[in-house]
Amino acid sequence: RIQENIDYFVYEVSNYLPRLKFVREAVVLDHEDELYKILDDIDKKQMDKYIYYSDEILDDHQREIIDSYIKGGNNKKINASISNISYDDDIISFTAETNMPIQLLINENYMRDWELYIDDQKSLILPAHNTLRSIIIKDGSHSIKMVYSPEYLVISYWISGGALLISILMLFASAKNMIRKL
């Protein structure tokens, strides 16, 4: 759990686009410049219909997930819903139900420090429009949890724990030497 002295907050911005929105179409562009040109000229209808990804910033696993989603194409009418939304200091959780595999656009900044769990199985967050988060959900009802877990925090816990252990050992060694001298 993130300690209170770290300046990072999850917060809700009311009345600013949907926080979570289902989007059917995915488009992978070769270069970031193409993406930025499209985003400069885009209208709301297009934004509601497509999520754009730049191939330049996708890793192999992300590219594979998006390619698989695109190839699976589906012409059904989307029947999807979000419920049980919960925001905590370092966790966002909700339930998503859908009748087909679908992308969920999350109106939050994309950062690699977030981990995604769908039905308690680790999954991948994708960089939608290079700045927002996107996840691909299979059909059915799913419990989704995003956890803020920055690598630096885990490393700092290990360093602090190691330093504490060394300090305790040195304290015991020092106390042991003092007892011997008596």
Protein backbone atom coordinates (compact mmCIF):
# COMPACT_ATOMS: atom_id res chain seq x y z
CA ARG A 1 0.00 0.00 0.00
CA ILE A 2 1.33 3.45 -0.84
CA GLN A 3 2.27 5.44 2.21
CA GLU A 4 0.68 8.82 2.83
CA ASN A 5 3.89 10.80 2.41
CA ILE A 6 4.13 10.05 -1.33
CA ASP A 7 2.60 12.80 -3.46
CA TYR A 8 0.44 10.69 -5.75
CA PHE A 9 -3.32 10.75 -5.75
CA VAL A 10 -6.07 9.02 -7.69
CA TYR A 11 -8.93 11.43 -8.11
CA GLU A 12 -12.12 11.79 -10.07
CA VAL A 13 -12.66 14.68 -12.45
CA SER A 14 -16.44 15.10 -12.66
CA ASN A 15 -18.13 16.07 -15.92
CA TYR A 16 -15.02 15.53 -18.05
CA LEU A 17 -15.67 12.86 -20.64
CA PRO A 18 -16.74 9.43 -19.48
CA ARG A 19 -14.18 7.97 -17.09
CA LEU A 20 -14.65 4.54 -18.64
CA LYS A 21 -15.93 4.09 -22.19
CA PHE A 22 -16.27 1.06 -24.47
CA VAL A 23 -14.76 1.56 -27.93
CA ARG A 24 -15.05 -1.00 -30.74
CA GLU A 25 -12.35 -0.11 -33.29
CA ALA A 26 -8.57 -0.18 -32.83
CA VAL A 27 -6.11 1.36 -35.28
CA VAL A 28 -2.34 0.89 -35.04
CA LEU A 29 -0.37 3.61 -36.81
CA ASP A 30 3.26 3.26 -37.85
CA HIS A 31 4.53 6.56 -36.46
CA GLU A 32 3.65 8.93 -33.64
CA ASP A 33 3.47 11.79 -36.16
CA GLU A 34 0.51 10.08 -37.86
CA LEU A 35 -1.22 9.73 -34.52
CA TYR A 36 -0.70 13.38 -33.57
CA LYS A 37 -1.98 14.56 -36.98
CA ILE A 38 -5.14 12.47 -36.57
CA LEU A 39 -5.64 13.68 -33.00
CA ASP A 40 -5.30 17.31 -34.17
CA ASP A 41 -8.09 16.83 -36.72
CA ILE A 42 -10.31 14.38 -34.87
CA ASP A 43 -13.95 15.02 -34.02
CA LYS A 44 -15.98 13.58 -31.14
CA LYS A 45 -17.70 10.92 -33.29
CA GLN A 46 -14.35 9.59 -34.44
CA MET A 47 -13.04 9.68 -30.87
CA ASP A 48 -16.05 7.60 -29.77
CA LYS A 49 -15.45 5.04 -32.51
CA TYR A 50 -11.67 4.49 -32.55
CA ILE A 51 -8.73 4.05 -30.23
CA TYR A 52 -5.46 4.87 -31.95
CA TYR A 53 -2.14 3.30 -30.99
CA SER A 54 1.34 4.25 -32.18
CA ASP A 55 3.41 1.21 -33.14
CA GLU A 56 6.55 3.08 -32.07
CA ILE A 57 5.70 2.92 -28.38
CA LEU A 58 4.09 -0.52 -28.22
CA ASP A 59 6.15 -3.42 -26.96
CA ASP A 60 5.83 -6.85 -28.63
CA HIS A 61 3.29 -8.16 -26.10
CA GLN A 62 1.07 -5.07 -26.40
CA ARG A 63 1.26 -5.26 -30.22
CA GLU A 64 0.28 -8.94 -30.12
CA ILE A 65 -2.77 -8.24 -27.93
CA ILE A 66 -3.98 -5.42 -30.18
CA ASP A 67 -3.37 -7.43 -33.38
CA SER A 68 -5.33 -10.35 -31.95
CA TYR A 69 -8.18 -8.02 -31.01
CA ILE A 70 -8.27 -6.43 -34.49
CA LYS A 71 -8.22 -9.83 -36.26
CA GLY A 72 -11.06 -11.09 -34.07
CA GLY A 73 -13.35 -8.33 -35.43
CA ASN A 74 -16.97 -8.42 -34.36
CA ASN A 75 -20.03 -6.80 -35.91
CA LYS A 76 -22.42 -7.42 -33.02
CA LYS A 77 -24.15 -4.52 -31.37
CA ILE A 78 -22.22 -3.64 -28.23
CA ASN A 79 -24.07 -4.51 -25.05
CA ALA A 80 -21.75 -3.55 -22.21
CA SER A 81 -21.89 -1.99 -18.78
CA ILE A 82 -19.68 -0.85 -15.92
CA SER A 83 -20.68 -1.16 -12.27
CA ASN A 84 -19.23 -1.15 -8.74
CA ILE A 85 -16.66 1.56 -9.51
CA SER A 86 -14.31 2.20 -6.59
CA TYR A 87 -11.41 4.67 -6.29
CA ASP A 88 -8.86 4.24 -3.52
CA ASP A 89 -5.43 5.86 -2.98
CA ASP A 90 -3.65 3.38 -5.23
CA ILE A 91 -6.41 1.12 -6.59
CA ILE A 92 -9.20 1.61 -9.10
CA SER A 93 -11.64 -1.29 -9.32
CA PHE A 94 -14.89 -1.98 -11.14
CA THR A 95 -16.95 -4.70 -12.77
CA ALA A 96 -17.35 -4.79 -16.57
CA GLU A 97 -19.89 -6.87 -18.41
CA THR A 98 -19.91 -7.20 -22.19
CA ASN A 99 -21.41 -9.43 -24.87
CA MET A 100 -18.22 -9.47 -26.99
CA PRO A 101 -14.50 -8.77 -26.74
CA ILE A 102 -14.17 -4.99 -26.49
CA GLN A 103 -11.71 -2.22 -25.67
CA LEU A 104 -12.29 -0.11 -22.62
CA LEU A 105 -10.88 3.41 -22.80
CA ILE A 106 -9.96 4.71 -19.36
CA ASN A 107 -9.75 8.47 -19.07
CA GLU A 108 -6.58 8.35 -16.97
CA ASN A 109 -2.97 9.02 -17.96
CA TYR A 110 -1.09 5.98 -19.21
CA MET A 111 1.83 5.08 -16.95
CA ARG A 112 3.77 1.82 -16.86
CA ASP A 113 3.58 1.90 -13.04
CA TRP A 114 -0.04 0.66 -13.08
CA GLU A 115 -0.76 -3.07 -12.99
CA LEU A 116 -3.98 -4.54 -14.33
CA TYR A 117 -5.81 -7.58 -12.97
CA ILE A 118 -8.82 -9.01 -14.77
CA ASP A 119 -10.54 -11.67 -12.64
CA ASP A 120 -7.38 -11.73 -10.47
CA GLN A 121 -5.20 -12.61 -13.49
CA LYS A 122 -2.47 -10.11 -14.38
CA SER A 123 -3.11 -8.47 -17.73
CA LEU A 124 -1.79 -5.55 -19.76
CA ILE A 125 -2.71 -1.88 -19.93
CA LEU A 126 -2.31 -0.38 -23.41
CA PRO A 127 -1.35 3.23 -24.29
CA ALA A 128 -4.47 4.57 -26.06
CA HIS A 129 -3.80 7.71 -28.11
CA ASN A 130 -0.29 7.55 -26.51
CA THR A 131 -1.63 9.23 -23.38
CA LEU A 132 -4.64 7.38 -21.96
CA ARG A 133 -5.17 3.82 -20.75
CA SER A 134 -6.93 1.11 -22.67
CA ILE A 135 -7.66 -2.49 -21.80
CA ILE A 136 -9.16 -5.29 -23.86
CA ILE A 137 -11.87 -7.29 -22.15
CA LYS A 138 -13.25 -10.64 -23.30
CA ASP A 139 -16.98 -11.21 -23.36
CA GLY A 140 -18.68 -11.95 -20.06
CA SER A 141 -18.64 -10.38 -16.61
CA HIS A 142 -15.22 -9.45 -15.22
CA SER A 143 -13.82 -8.02 -12.01
CA ILE A 144 -11.18 -5.46 -12.99
CA LYS A 145 -8.60 -3.90 -10.69
CA MET A 146 -5.83 -1.43 -11.54
CA VAL A 147 -3.12 -1.09 -8.89
CA TYR A 148 -0.52 1.67 -8.76
CA SER A 149 2.71 -0.20 -8.06
CA PRO A 150 5.76 1.82 -9.09
CA GLU A 151 9.00 -0.12 -9.33
CA TYR A 152 10.92 2.57 -7.44
CA LEU A 153 8.65 2.08 -4.44
CA VAL A 154 9.29 -1.69 -4.31
CA ILE A 155 13.04 -1.08 -4.65
CA SER A 156 12.96 1.56 -1.90
CA TYR A 157 11.12 -0.87 0.41
CA TRP A 158 13.84 -3.49 -0.16
CA ILE A 159 16.63 -0.94 0.42
CA SER A 160 14.95 0.38 3.58
CA GLY A 161 14.32 -3.15 4.87
CA GLY A 162 17.93 -4.12 4.18
CA ALA A 163 19.24 -1.01 5.92
CA LEU A 164 17.00 -1.71 8.91
CA LEU A 165 18.20 -5.31 9.10
CA ILE A 166 21.86 -4.22 8.93
CA SER A 167 21.24 -1.61 11.65
CA ILE A 168 19.63 -4.19 13.94
CA LEU A 169 22.49 -6.65 13.36
CA MET A 170 25.06 -3.93 14.09
CA LEU A 171 23.16 -2.96 17.25
CA PHE A 172 23.16 -6.58 18.48
CA ALA A 173 26.85 -6.97 17.62
CA SER A 174 27.67 -3.75 19.48
CA ALA A 175 25.59 -4.83 22.51
CA LYS A 176 27.29 -8.23 22.48
CA ASN A 177 30.76 -6.60 22.52
CA MET A 178 29.75 -4.31 25.39
CA ILE A 179 28.53 -7.31 27.44
CA ARG A 180 31.85 -9.13 26.84
CA LYS A 181 33.83 -6.14 28.08
CA LEU A 182 31.91 -6.15 31.34
